[in-house]
C-alpha atoms as a PDB file:
ATOM      1  CA  MET A   1      -2.934 -26.184-107.764  1.00  0.00           C
ATOM      2  CA  LYS A   2      -6.116 -24.925-109.402  1.00  0.00           C
ATOM      3  CA  GLU A   3      -9.298 -26.670-108.403  1.00  0.00           C
ATOM      4  CA  GLY A   4     -10.433 -29.208-110.977  1.00  0.00           C
ATOM      5  CA  VAL A   5      -7.038 -29.396-112.709  1.00  0.00           C
ATOM      6  CA  VAL A   6      -5.777 -32.980-112.930  1.00  0.00           C
ATOM      7  CA  LEU A   7      -2.024 -33.223-113.470  1.00  0.00           C
ATOM      8  CA  GLU A   8      -1.010 -36.472-115.105  1.00  0.00           C
ATOM      9  CA  LEU A   9       2.412 -36.841-113.504  1.00  0.00           C
ATOM     10  CA  VAL A  10       3.455 -35.820-110.008  1.00  0.00           C
ATOM     11  CA  THR A  11       7.080 -36.026-108.919  1.00  0.00           C
ATOM     12  CA  LEU A  12       9.206 -34.811-106.022  1.00  0.00           C
ATOM     13  CA  GLY A  13      12.881 -34.127-105.502  1.00  0.00           C
ATOM     14  CA  GLU A  14      15.647 -31.559-105.511  1.00  0.00           C
ATOM     15  CA  THR A  15      16.418 -29.239-108.396  1.00  0.00           C
ATOM     16  CA  MET A  16      19.654 -27.287-108.193  1.00  0.00           C
ATOM     17  CA  VAL A  17      21.163 -24.357-109.984  1.00  0.00           C
ATOM     18  CA  CYS A  18      23.762 -25.773-112.356  1.00  0.00           C
ATOM     19  CA  PHE A  19      26.744 -23.763-113.570  1.00  0.00           C
ATOM     20  CA  VAL A  20      27.984 -24.977-116.953  1.00  0.00           C
ATOM     21  CA  PRO A  21      31.280 -23.642-118.356  1.00  0.00           C
ATOM     22  CA  ARG A  22      31.062 -22.279-121.865  1.00  0.00           C
ATOM     23  CA  GLU A  23      34.286 -24.056-122.820  1.00  0.00           C
ATOM     24  CA  ASP A  24      35.759 -27.488-122.139  1.00  0.00           C
ATOM     25  CA  GLY A  25      38.463 -27.664-119.497  1.00  0.00           C
ATOM     26  CA  LYS A  26      39.122 -27.957-115.786  1.00  0.00           C
ATOM     27  CA  LEU A  27      36.866 -25.893-113.555  1.00  0.00           C
ATOM     28  CA  GLY A  28      39.847 -24.160-111.995  1.00  0.00           C
ATOM     29  CA  TYR A  29      40.572 -22.491-115.319  1.00  0.00           C
ATOM     30  CA  GLN A  30      37.020 -21.422-116.148  1.00  0.00           C
ATOM     31  CA  SER A  31      35.679 -17.902-115.747  1.00  0.00           C
ATOM     32  CA  ASP A  32      32.607 -17.914-117.966  1.00  0.00           C
ATOM     33  CA  PHE A  33      29.570 -19.988-116.956  1.00  0.00           C
ATOM     34  CA  GLN A  34      25.944 -20.382-117.976  1.00  0.00           C
ATOM     35  CA  MET A  35      23.376 -20.775-115.206  1.00  0.00           C
ATOM     36  CA  LYS A  36      20.904 -23.604-115.777  1.00  0.00           C
ATOM     37  CA  ILE A  37      18.821 -25.982-113.668  1.00  0.00           C
ATOM     38  CA  ALA A  38      19.435 -29.657-112.955  1.00  0.00           C
ATOM     39  CA  GLY A  39      17.302 -32.220-111.170  1.00  0.00           C
ATOM     40  CA  ALA A  40      16.296 -35.719-112.250  1.00  0.00           C
ATOM     41  CA  GLU A  41      12.667 -35.368-111.184  1.00  0.00           C
ATOM     42  CA  SER A  42      12.036 -31.913-112.630  1.00  0.00           C
ATOM     43  CA  ASN A  43      13.855 -33.052-115.798  1.00  0.00           C
ATOM     44  CA  CYS A  44      11.323 -35.849-116.215  1.00  0.00           C
ATOM     45  CA  ALA A  45       8.421 -33.495-115.497  1.00  0.00           C
ATOM     46  CA  ILE A  46       9.703 -30.988-118.057  1.00  0.00           C
ATOM     47  CA  GLY A  47      10.298 -33.718-120.635  1.00  0.00           C
ATOM     48  CA  LEU A  48       6.760 -35.002-120.187  1.00  0.00           C
ATOM     49  CA  GLN A  49       5.294 -31.497-120.334  1.00  0.00           C
ATOM     50  CA  LYS A  50       7.093 -30.862-123.627  1.00  0.00           C
ATOM     51  CA  LEU A  51       5.539 -34.046-124.977  1.00  0.00           C
ATOM     52  CA  GLY A  52       2.057 -32.681-124.341  1.00  0.00           C
ATOM     53  CA  HIS A  53       1.275 -33.951-120.836  1.00  0.00           C
ATOM     54  CA  SER A  54       0.728 -32.109-117.563  1.00  0.00           C
ATOM     55  CA  ALA A  55       3.104 -32.444-114.631  1.00  0.00           C
ATOM     56  CA  CYS A  56       3.565 -31.151-111.095  1.00  0.00           C
ATOM     57  CA  TRP A  57       6.904 -30.934-109.280  1.00  0.00           C
ATOM     58  CA  ILE A  58       7.025 -30.971-105.465  1.00  0.00           C
ATOM     59  CA  SER A  59      10.117 -29.635-103.700  1.00  0.00           C
ATOM     60  CA  ARG A  60      11.643 -27.007-101.445  1.00  0.00           C
ATOM     61  CA  VAL A  61      13.905 -24.152-102.526  1.00  0.00           C
ATOM     62  CA  GLY A  62      15.666 -21.463-100.584  1.00  0.00           C
ATOM     63  CA  ALA A  63      14.245 -17.960-100.196  1.00  0.00           C
ATOM     64  CA  ASP A  64      17.086 -16.701-102.367  1.00  0.00           C
ATOM     65  CA  GLU A  65      17.746 -15.645-105.941  1.00  0.00           C
ATOM     66  CA  PHE A  66      18.807 -19.167-106.901  1.00  0.00           C
ATOM     67  CA  GLY A  67      15.468 -20.468-105.622  1.00  0.00           C
ATOM     68  CA  GLU A  68      13.657 -17.876-107.692  1.00  0.00           C
ATOM     69  CA  PHE A  69      15.670 -18.926-110.725  1.00  0.00           C
ATOM     70  CA  VAL A  70      14.778 -22.594-110.216  1.00  0.00           C
ATOM     71  CA  LYS A  71      11.063 -21.877-109.772  1.00  0.00           C
ATOM     72  CA  ARG A  72      10.956 -19.529-112.744  1.00  0.00           C
ATOM     73  CA  SER A  73      12.820 -21.999-114.972  1.00  0.00           C
ATOM     74  CA  VAL A  74      10.588 -24.960-114.129  1.00  0.00           C
ATOM     75  CA  ARG A  75       7.416 -22.896-114.398  1.00  0.00           C
ATOM     76  CA  ALA A  76       8.537 -21.503-117.771  1.00  0.00           C
ATOM     77  CA  GLU A  77       8.482 -25.059-119.150  1.00  0.00           C
ATOM     78  CA  GLY A  78       4.808 -25.388-118.178  1.00  0.00           C
ATOM     79  CA  VAL A  79       5.317 -27.595-115.116  1.00  0.00           C
ATOM     80  CA  SER A  80       3.192 -26.760-112.080  1.00  0.00           C
ATOM     81  CA  ILE A  81       5.226 -25.551-109.089  1.00  0.00           C
ATOM     82  CA  SER A  82       2.178 -25.434-106.820  1.00  0.00           C
ATOM     83  CA  GLY A  83       3.879 -28.051-104.652  1.00  0.00           C
ATOM     84  CA  VAL A  84       7.080 -26.039-104.134  1.00  0.00           C
ATOM     85  CA  THR A  85       7.744 -24.548-100.694  1.00  0.00           C
ATOM     86  CA  GLU A  86      10.042 -21.562-100.172  1.00  0.00           C
ATOM     87  CA  ASP A  87      12.341 -22.253 -97.226  1.00  0.00           C
ATOM     88  CA  GLY A  88      13.597 -19.141 -95.460  1.00  0.00           C
ATOM     89  CA  GLU A  89      16.134 -21.009 -93.327  1.00  0.00           C
ATOM     90  CA  HIS A  90      18.054 -23.065 -95.902  1.00  0.00           C
ATOM     91  CA  ARG A  91      19.660 -22.249 -99.237  1.00  0.00           C
ATOM     92  CA  THR A  92      19.050 -23.612-102.723  1.00  0.00           C
ATOM     93  CA  GLY A  93      21.495 -26.329-103.787  1.00  0.00           C
ATOM     94  CA  VAL A  94      24.153 -25.618-106.408  1.00  0.00           C
ATOM     95  CA  MET A  95      26.259 -27.810-108.697  1.00  0.00           C
ATOM     96  CA  PHE A  96      29.018 -27.306-111.269  1.00  0.00           C
ATOM     97  CA  LYS A  97      29.679 -29.299-114.420  1.00  0.00           C
ATOM     98  CA  GLN A  98      33.151 -29.994-115.760  1.00  0.00           C
ATOM     99  CA  THR A  99      33.600 -31.075-119.363  1.00  0.00           C
ATOM    100  CA  LEU A 100      36.978 -32.281-120.601  1.00  0.00           C
ATOM    101  CA  ALA A 101      37.419 -32.960-124.316  1.00  0.00           C
ATOM    102  CA  GLY A 102      37.017 -36.664-124.998  1.00  0.00           C
ATOM    103  CA  ASN A 103      35.926 -37.439-121.444  1.00  0.00           C
ATOM    104  CA  GLU A 104      32.580 -37.876-119.725  1.00  0.00           C
ATOM    105  CA  THR A 105      31.069 -34.866-118.000  1.00  0.00           C
ATOM    106  CA  THR A 106      31.647 -34.782-114.231  1.00  0.00           C
ATOM    107  CA  VAL A 107      29.729 -32.843-111.594  1.00  0.00           C
ATOM    108  CA  THR A 108      30.577 -31.257-108.252  1.00  0.00           C
ATOM    109  CA  TYR A 109      27.739 -30.781-105.759  1.00  0.00           C
ATOM    110  CA  TYR A 110      27.210 -28.074-103.145  1.00  0.00           C
ATOM    111  CA  ARG A 111      23.882 -29.364-101.857  1.00  0.00           C
ATOM    112  CA  GLU A 112      24.447 -30.551 -98.287  1.00  0.00           C
ATOM    113  CA  GLY A 113      21.962 -28.843 -95.958  1.00  0.00           C
ATOM    114  CA  SER A 114      20.028 -27.444 -98.909  1.00  0.00           C
ATOM    115  CA  ALA A 115      16.364 -26.490 -98.661  1.00  0.00           C
ATOM    116  CA  ALA A 116      15.329 -29.572-100.636  1.00  0.00           C
ATOM    117  CA  SER A 117      17.054 -31.878 -98.155  1.00  0.00           C
ATOM    118  CA  PHE A 118      14.434 -30.734 -95.618  1.00  0.00           C
ATOM    119  CA  LEU A 119      11.561 -32.020 -97.750  1.00  0.00           C
ATOM    120  CA  SER A 120       9.263 -33.966 -95.415  1.00  0.00           C
ATOM    121  CA  PRO A 121       5.941 -35.855 -95.390  1.00  0.00           C
ATOM    122  CA  ASN A 122       4.272 -32.556 -94.455  1.00  0.00           C
ATOM    123  CA  ASP A 123       5.099 -31.318 -97.957  1.00  0.00           C
ATOM    124  CA  ILE A 124       3.046 -34.131 -99.543  1.00  0.00           C
ATOM    125  CA  SER A 125      -0.732 -33.842 -99.616  1.00  0.00           C
ATOM    126  CA  ASP A 126      -3.562 -36.146-100.650  1.00  0.00           C
ATOM    127  CA  GLU A 127      -4.738 -33.574-103.192  1.00  0.00           C
ATOM    128  CA  GLN A 128      -1.408 -33.618-104.995  1.00  0.00           C
ATOM    129  CA  ILE A 129      -1.372 -37.384-105.432  1.00  0.00           C
ATOM    130  CA  LYS A 130      -4.926 -38.619-105.776  1.00  0.00           C
ATOM    131  CA  GLY A 131      -5.705 -36.987-109.103  1.00  0.00           C
ATOM    132  CA  ALA A 132      -2.462 -38.043-110.773  1.00  0.00           C
ATOM    133  CA  LYS A 133      -2.071 -40.806-113.339  1.00  0.00           C
ATOM    134  CA  ILE A 134       1.568 -41.537-112.417  1.00  0.00           C
ATOM    135  CA  LEU A 135       3.780 -40.760-109.413  1.00  0.00           C
ATOM    136  CA  HIS A 136       7.427 -40.617-110.509  1.00  0.00           C
ATOM    137  CA  LEU A 137      10.261 -40.985-108.006  1.00  0.00           C
ATOM    138  CA  THR A 138      14.016 -41.564-108.061  1.00  0.00           C
ATOM    139  CA  GLY A 139      16.570 -43.029-105.705  1.00  0.00           C
ATOM    140  CA  ILE A 140      18.210 -39.629-105.303  1.00  0.00           C
ATOM    141  CA  THR A 141      15.615 -38.066-103.029  1.00  0.00           C
ATOM    142  CA  PRO A 142      15.428 -40.708-100.251  1.00  0.00           C
ATOM    143  CA  VAL A 143      19.197 -40.639 -99.627  1.00  0.00           C
ATOM    144  CA  LEU A 144      19.361 -36.863 -99.158  1.00  0.00           C
ATOM    145  CA  SER A 145      18.020 -37.041 -95.586  1.00  0.00           C
ATOM    146  CA  ASP A 146      15.777 -39.022 -93.286  1.00  0.00           C
ATOM    147  CA  SER A 147      12.930 -36.555 -93.805  1.00  0.00           C
ATOM    148  CA  CYS A 148      13.286 -36.909 -97.583  1.00  0.00           C
ATOM    149  CA  LYS A 149      13.107 -40.682 -97.246  1.00  0.00           C
ATOM    150  CA  LYS A 150       9.941 -40.370 -95.182  1.00  0.00           C
ATOM    151  CA  ALA A 151       8.468 -38.009 -97.798  1.00  0.00           C
ATOM    152  CA  VAL A 152       9.111 -40.560-100.543  1.00  0.00           C
ATOM    153  CA  TYR A 153       7.463 -43.355 -98.577  1.00  0.00           C
ATOM    154  CA  ARG A 154       4.525 -41.080 -97.760  1.00  0.00           C
ATOM    155  CA  ALA A 155       4.043 -40.299-101.436  1.00  0.00           C
ATOM    156  CA  ILE A 156       4.098 -44.018-102.298  1.00  0.00           C
ATOM    157  CA  GLU A 157       1.629 -44.764 -99.499  1.00  0.00           C
ATOM    158  CA  LEU A 158      -0.782 -42.165-100.853  1.00  0.00           C
ATOM    159  CA  ALA A 159      -0.304 -43.365-104.432  1.00  0.00           C
ATOM    160  CA  LYS A 160      -1.053 -46.953-103.493  1.00  0.00           C
ATOM    161  CA  GLY A 161      -4.111 -45.825-101.543  1.00  0.00           C
ATOM    162  CA  TYR A 162      -5.460 -43.933-104.541  1.00  0.00           C
ATOM    163  CA  HIS A 163      -4.426 -46.613-107.070  1.00  0.00           C
ATOM    164  CA  VAL A 164      -1.942 -44.294-108.755  1.00  0.00           C
ATOM    165  CA  PRO A 165       0.854 -46.239-110.520  1.00  0.00           C
ATOM    166  CA  VAL A 166       4.373 -45.566-109.242  1.00  0.00           C
ATOM    167  CA  SER A 167       7.323 -45.036-111.576  1.00  0.00           C
ATOM    168  CA  PHE A 168      10.820 -45.376-110.103  1.00  0.00           C
ATOM    169  CA  ASP A 169      14.325 -44.761-111.425  1.00  0.00           C
ATOM    170  CA  PRO A 170      17.073 -45.852-108.974  1.00  0.00           C
ATOM    171  CA  ASN A 171      19.328 -43.073-110.316  1.00  0.00           C
ATOM    172  CA  ILE A 172      22.174 -44.240-108.084  1.00  0.00           C
ATOM    173  CA  ARG A 173      24.556 -41.431-107.107  1.00  0.00           C
ATOM    174  CA  LEU A 174      27.225 -42.934-104.873  1.00  0.00           C
ATOM    175  CA  LYS A 175      28.583 -39.449-104.111  1.00  0.00           C
ATOM    176  CA  LEU A 176      25.349 -38.821-102.211  1.00  0.00           C
ATOM    177  CA  TRP A 177      25.580 -42.061-100.246  1.00  0.00           C
ATOM    178  CA  LYS A 178      28.637 -40.743 -98.339  1.00  0.00           C
ATOM    179  CA  GLY A 179      29.950 -44.171 -97.489  1.00  0.00           C
ATOM    180  CA  GLN A 180      26.576 -45.552 -96.400  1.00  0.00           C
ATOM    181  CA  ASP A 181      25.036 -48.572 -98.082  1.00  0.00           C
ATOM    182  CA  HIS A 182      21.558 -47.680 -99.347  1.00  0.00           C
ATOM    183  CA  THR A 183      21.239 -50.757-101.565  1.00  0.00           C
ATOM    184  CA  ASN A 184      18.426 -52.321 -99.539  1.00  0.00           C
ATOM    185  CA  LEU A 185      16.553 -49.012 -99.470  1.00  0.00           C
ATOM    186  CA  ILE A 186      16.729 -48.608-103.245  1.00  0.00           C
ATOM    187  CA  ARG A 187      15.756 -52.244-103.807  1.00  0.00           C
ATOM    188  CA  ASP A 188      12.776 -51.825-101.495  1.00  0.00           C
ATOM    189  CA  LEU A 189      11.579 -48.763-103.375  1.00  0.00           C
ATOM    190  CA  ALA A 190      12.138 -50.476-106.727  1.00  0.00           C
ATOM    191  CA  GLY A 191      10.009 -53.367-105.530  1.00  0.00           C
ATOM    192  CA  ARG A 192       7.111 -50.991-104.882  1.00  0.00           C
ATOM    193  CA  ALA A 193       7.154 -49.615-108.430  1.00  0.00           C
ATOM    194  CA  ASP A 194       4.739 -50.396-111.223  1.00  0.00           C
ATOM    195  CA  TYR A 195       7.196 -49.005-113.774  1.00  0.00           C
ATOM    196  CA  LEU A 196      10.893 -49.566-113.021  1.00  0.00           C
ATOM    197  CA  LEU A 197      13.269 -47.601-115.257  1.00  0.00           C
ATOM    198  CA  MET A 198      16.967 -48.216-114.571  1.00  0.00           C
ATOM    199  CA  GLY A 199      20.370 -48.357-116.175  1.00  0.00           C
ATOM    200  CA  ARG A 200      22.076 -51.678-116.856  1.00  0.00           C
ATOM    201  CA  GLU A 201      24.922 -50.838-114.455  1.00  0.00           C
ATOM    202  CA  GLU A 202      22.372 -49.977-111.771  1.00  0.00           C
ATOM    203  CA  ALA A 203      20.671 -53.327-112.326  1.00  0.00           C
ATOM    204  CA  GLU A 204      23.995 -55.104-111.878  1.00  0.00           C
ATOM    205  CA  TYR A 205      24.681 -53.125-108.715  1.00  0.00           C
ATOM    206  CA  LEU A 206      21.257 -53.776-107.190  1.00  0.00           C
ATOM    207  CA  TYR A 207      20.490 -57.294-108.400  1.00  0.00           C
ATOM    208  CA  GLY A 208      23.833 -58.773-109.413  1.00  0.00           C
ATOM    209  CA  THR A 209      22.857 -59.035-113.065  1.00  0.00           C
ATOM    210  CA  GLY A 210      22.144 -56.846-116.051  1.00  0.00           C
ATOM    211  CA  GLU A 211      20.726 -59.707-118.104  1.00  0.00           C
ATOM    212  CA  PRO A 212      17.192 -58.747-119.188  1.00  0.00           C
ATOM    213  CA  GLU A 213      15.872 -62.327-118.984  1.00  0.00           C
ATOM    214  CA  ARG A 214      16.962 -62.736-115.376  1.00  0.00           C
ATOM    215  CA  LEU A 215      15.679 -59.298-114.412  1.00  0.00           C
ATOM    216  CA  GLN A 216      12.361 -60.019-116.099  1.00  0.00           C
ATOM    217  CA  ALA A 217      11.975 -63.258-114.131  1.00  0.00           C
ATOM    218  CA  MET A 218      13.015 -61.614-110.880  1.00  0.00           C
ATOM    219  CA  LEU A 219      11.074 -58.369-111.091  1.00  0.00           C
ATOM    220  CA  CYS A 220       8.150 -58.870-113.476  1.00  0.00           C
ATOM    221  CA  ARG A 221       7.270 -62.535-113.040  1.00  0.00           C
ATOM    222  CA  GLN A 222       8.186 -63.081-109.409  1.00  0.00           C
ATOM    223  CA  GLY A 223       7.773 -59.443-108.367  1.00  0.00           C
ATOM    224  CA  THR A 224       5.116 -56.821-108.967  1.00  0.00           C
ATOM    225  CA  VAL A 225       6.786 -54.630-111.594  1.00  0.00           C
ATOM    226  CA  ARG A 226       4.404 -54.137-114.517  1.00  0.00           C
ATOM    227  CA  TYR A 227       6.917 -52.664-116.979  1.00  0.00           C
ATOM    228  CA  LEU A 228      10.706 -52.788-116.691  1.00  0.00           C
ATOM    229  CA  ALA A 229      13.109 -50.756-118.830  1.00  0.00           C
ATOM    230  CA  VAL A 230      16.836 -51.473-118.688  1.00  0.00           C
ATOM    231  CA  LYS A 231      18.645 -48.525-120.258  1.00  0.00           C
ATOM    232  CA  ASN A 232      22.082 -49.157-121.737  1.00  0.00           C
ATOM    233  CA  GLY A 233      23.189 -45.848-123.240  1.00  0.00           C
ATOM    234  CA  SER A 234      24.582 -46.126-126.757  1.00  0.00           C
ATOM    235  CA  GLN A 235      23.660 -49.827-126.805  1.00  0.00           C
ATOM    236  CA  GLY A 236      19.926 -49.111-126.642  1.00  0.00           C
ATOM    237  CA  ALA A 237      17.561 -50.606-124.076  1.00  0.00           C
ATOM    238  CA  GLU A 238      15.532 -53.667-123.141  1.00  0.00           C
ATOM    239  CA  VAL A 239      11.902 -53.316-122.115  1.00  0.00           C
ATOM    240  CA  CYS A 240       9.804 -56.071-120.662  1.00  0.00           C
ATOM    241  CA  SER A 241       6.658 -57.120-118.850  1.00  0.00           C
ATOM    242  CA  ALA A 242       5.846 -60.533-117.402  1.00  0.00           C
ATOM    243  CA  THR A 243       5.053 -61.790-120.904  1.00  0.00           C
ATOM    244  CA  GLU A 244       7.146 -59.631-123.271  1.00  0.00           C
ATOM    245  CA  LEU A 245      10.858 -58.905-123.654  1.00  0.00           C
ATOM    246  CA  ILE A 246      11.794 -56.480-126.417  1.00  0.00           C
ATOM    247  CA  SER A 247      15.160 -55.092-127.507  1.00  0.00           C
ATOM    248  CA  ILE A 248      15.097 -51.398-128.384  1.00  0.00           C
ATOM    249  CA  PRO A 249      17.985 -50.406-130.680  1.00  0.00           C
ATOM    250  CA  PRO A 250      19.790 -47.112-130.040  1.00  0.00           C
ATOM    251  CA  TYR A 251      18.527 -44.108-131.939  1.00  0.00           C
ATOM    252  CA  PRO A 252      21.273 -42.402-133.994  1.00  0.00           C
ATOM    253  CA  CYS A 253      22.673 -39.256-132.376  1.00  0.00           C
ATOM    254  CA  HIS A 254      25.816 -37.205-131.872  1.00  0.00           C
ATOM    255  CA  CYS A 255      26.410 -37.255-128.122  1.00  0.00           C
ATOM    256  CA  ILE A 256      27.803 -34.072-126.593  1.00  0.00           C
ATOM    257  CA  ASP A 257      26.593 -34.392-122.984  1.00  0.00           C
ATOM    258  CA  PRO A 258      24.871 -37.574-121.708  1.00  0.00           C
ATOM    259  CA  ILE A 259      23.583 -36.036-118.470  1.00  0.00           C
ATOM    260  CA  GLY A 260      19.804 -35.807-118.540  1.00  0.00           C
ATOM    261  CA  ALA A 261      19.389 -38.511-121.191  1.00  0.00           C
ATOM    262  CA  GLY A 262      18.045 -41.084-118.739  1.00  0.00           C
ATOM    263  CA  ASP A 263      15.435 -38.632-117.499  1.00  0.00           C
ATOM    264  CA  ALA A 264      14.444 -37.881-121.102  1.00  0.00           C
ATOM    265  CA  PHE A 265      14.048 -41.617-121.732  1.00  0.00           C
ATOM    266  CA  ASN A 266      11.813 -41.816-118.659  1.00  0.00           C
ATOM    267  CA  ALA A 267       9.682 -38.917-119.883  1.00  0.00           C
ATOM    268  CA  GLY A 268       9.285 -40.502-123.303  1.00  0.00           C
ATOM    269  CA  PHE A 269       8.507 -43.935-121.896  1.00  0.00           C
ATOM    270  CA  LEU A 270       5.913 -42.560-119.466  1.00  0.00           C
ATOM    271  CA  SER A 271       4.332 -40.423-122.175  1.00  0.00           C
ATOM    272  CA  GLY A 272       3.795 -43.619-124.138  1.00  0.00           C
ATOM    273  CA  ILE A 273       2.093 -45.194-121.135  1.00  0.00           C
ATOM    274  CA  LEU A 274      -0.166 -42.174-120.695  1.00  0.00           C
ATOM    275  CA  GLU A 275      -1.139 -42.404-124.361  1.00  0.00           C
ATOM    276  CA  GLY A 276      -1.915 -46.123-124.181  1.00  0.00           C
ATOM    277  CA  LYS A 277       0.970 -47.139-126.453  1.00  0.00           C
ATOM    278  CA  SER A 278       2.334 -50.677-126.608  1.00  0.00           C
ATOM    279  CA  LEU A 279       5.392 -51.609-124.527  1.00  0.00           C
ATOM    280  CA  GLU A 280       7.560 -51.565-127.643  1.00  0.00           C
ATOM    281  CA  GLU A 281       6.303 -48.123-128.648  1.00  0.00           C
ATOM    282  CA  CYS A 282       6.973 -46.814-125.121  1.00  0.00           C
ATOM    283  CA  GLY A 283      10.539 -48.087-125.366  1.00  0.00           C
ATOM    284  CA  MET A 284      11.018 -46.615-128.825  1.00  0.00           C
ATOM    285  CA  ILE A 285       9.764 -43.198-127.727  1.00  0.00           C
ATOM    286  CA  GLY A 286      12.053 -43.338-124.704  1.00  0.00           C
ATOM    287  CA  ALA A 287      15.042 -44.206-126.888  1.00  0.00           C
ATOM    288  CA  VAL A 288      14.420 -41.319-129.285  1.00  0.00           C
ATOM    289  CA  CYS A 289      13.926 -38.813-126.451  1.00  0.00           C
ATOM    290  CA  GLY A 290      17.028 -40.033-124.606  1.00  0.00           C
ATOM    291  CA  ALA A 291      19.210 -39.876-127.699  1.00  0.00           C
ATOM    292  CA  MET A 292      18.174 -36.362-128.674  1.00  0.00           C
ATOM    293  CA  ALA A 293      18.814 -35.130-125.135  1.00  0.00           C
ATOM    294  CA  THR A 294      22.526 -35.920-125.490  1.00  0.00           C
ATOM    295  CA  GLN A 295      23.059 -33.560-128.398  1.00  0.00           C
ATOM    296  CA  THR A 296      23.151 -30.352-126.342  1.00  0.00           C
ATOM    297  CA  ARG A 297      24.890 -29.185-123.193  1.00  0.00           C
ATOM    298  CA  GLY A 298      22.510 -28.884-120.268  1.00  0.00           C
ATOM    299  CA  ASP A 299      19.966 -31.338-118.930  1.00  0.00           C
ATOM    300  CA  ILE A 300      16.791 -30.226-120.715  1.00  0.00           C
ATOM    301  CA  GLU A 301      17.823 -28.121-123.700  1.00  0.00           C
ATOM    302  CA  GLY A 302      17.630 -31.093-126.068  1.00  0.00           C
ATOM    303  CA  TYR A 303      14.278 -32.396-124.854  1.00  0.00           C
ATOM    304  CA  LEU A 304      11.758 -32.905-127.639  1.00  0.00           C
ATOM    305  CA  SER A 305       8.391 -31.293-128.151  1.00  0.00           C
ATOM    306  CA  LYS A 306       5.423 -33.443-129.123  1.00  0.00           C
ATOM    307  CA  GLU A 307       5.701 -32.193-132.698  1.00  0.00           C
ATOM    308  CA  GLU A 308       9.445 -32.850-132.922  1.00  0.00           C
ATOM    309  CA  LEU A 309       8.970 -36.368-131.583  1.00  0.00           C
ATOM    310  CA  ALA A 310       6.223 -37.064-134.123  1.00  0.00           C
ATOM    311  CA  ARG A 311       8.523 -36.015-136.984  1.00  0.00           C
ATOM    312  CA  LEU A 312      11.328 -38.260-135.767  1.00  0.00           C
ATOM    313  CA  LEU A 313       9.033 -41.212-135.155  1.00  0.00           C
ATOM    314  CA  SER A 314       7.578 -40.857-138.645  1.00  0.00           C
ATOM    315  CA  GLY A 315      11.031 -41.612-140.022  1.00  0.00           C
ATOM    316  CA  GLN A 316      12.116 -44.093-137.377  1.00  0.00           C
ATOM    317  CA  LYS A 317      12.100 -47.118-139.693  1.00  0.00           C
ATOM    318  CA  ALA A 318      14.773 -45.545-141.865  1.00  0.00           C
ATOM    319  CA  ALA A 319      16.728 -44.399-138.817  1.00  0.00           C
ATOM    320  CA  TYR A 320      16.781 -47.884-137.289  1.00  0.00           C
ATOM    321  CA  ARG A 321      17.997 -49.699-140.420  1.00  0.00           C
END
């Protein structure tokens, strides 16, 4: 990280190489794949960077060609990889997407023992956190390994010490839980967040309700969450603070692949915060970014630039009628 450069968002977590078949169908019948990257945290960083803000991604990758591909891909989007460590003992994680016509995209992971699962508190420094305006985390990283969990808590500890707001998306992936119950862990991390961005189904899983009013009372009025966003896919979203509760209608789109949409919403919402927008405007920006992300295959290919977002927002009143 260059001296004197303040990066607005800092995030940490695993980014994998993602193989996407060029045609719909079962993986066993595919022979032609595109190589892309996939990772909730780097997705958010890239989305925010595209919207005109600076971001740094902290992680570990293998000392292999896949690691080089990941670093090059993230760096090409303008995100700082100054916090990425090359691990000569462990490989870069890999995943495959399967798309069946008329069905939701499914993924298969090959990430156990990956370089990123050895992320530790030693990979997090004061310098990386103290100059940031937001620390963004997800519930994926702390369930990868004990050292990853410690790294997440270390990052939060530093953020709180430097008065850096924490953004958290539970991003529950039960495949990664491997039969363990991490509910209390995710709830604890959510309770430490200033900005809590989660799906309605995740809210029901963690808190027993997806009702915005109850979540607002529980998390914003009785808890310490400053802004809460409850994302509900094609149904839109609800955003709230202790004193406001606003319904955000879905932005019109033609969904091809929903993976990455939640991260795009997060990037849009956080960009609004960084720009001093109202809670409603933050939610609206998130909704537009999330919707547009679903219109392409791949996590980040549909992410909006600042200029593209401005054009869409200028016509949002017509789009929301």
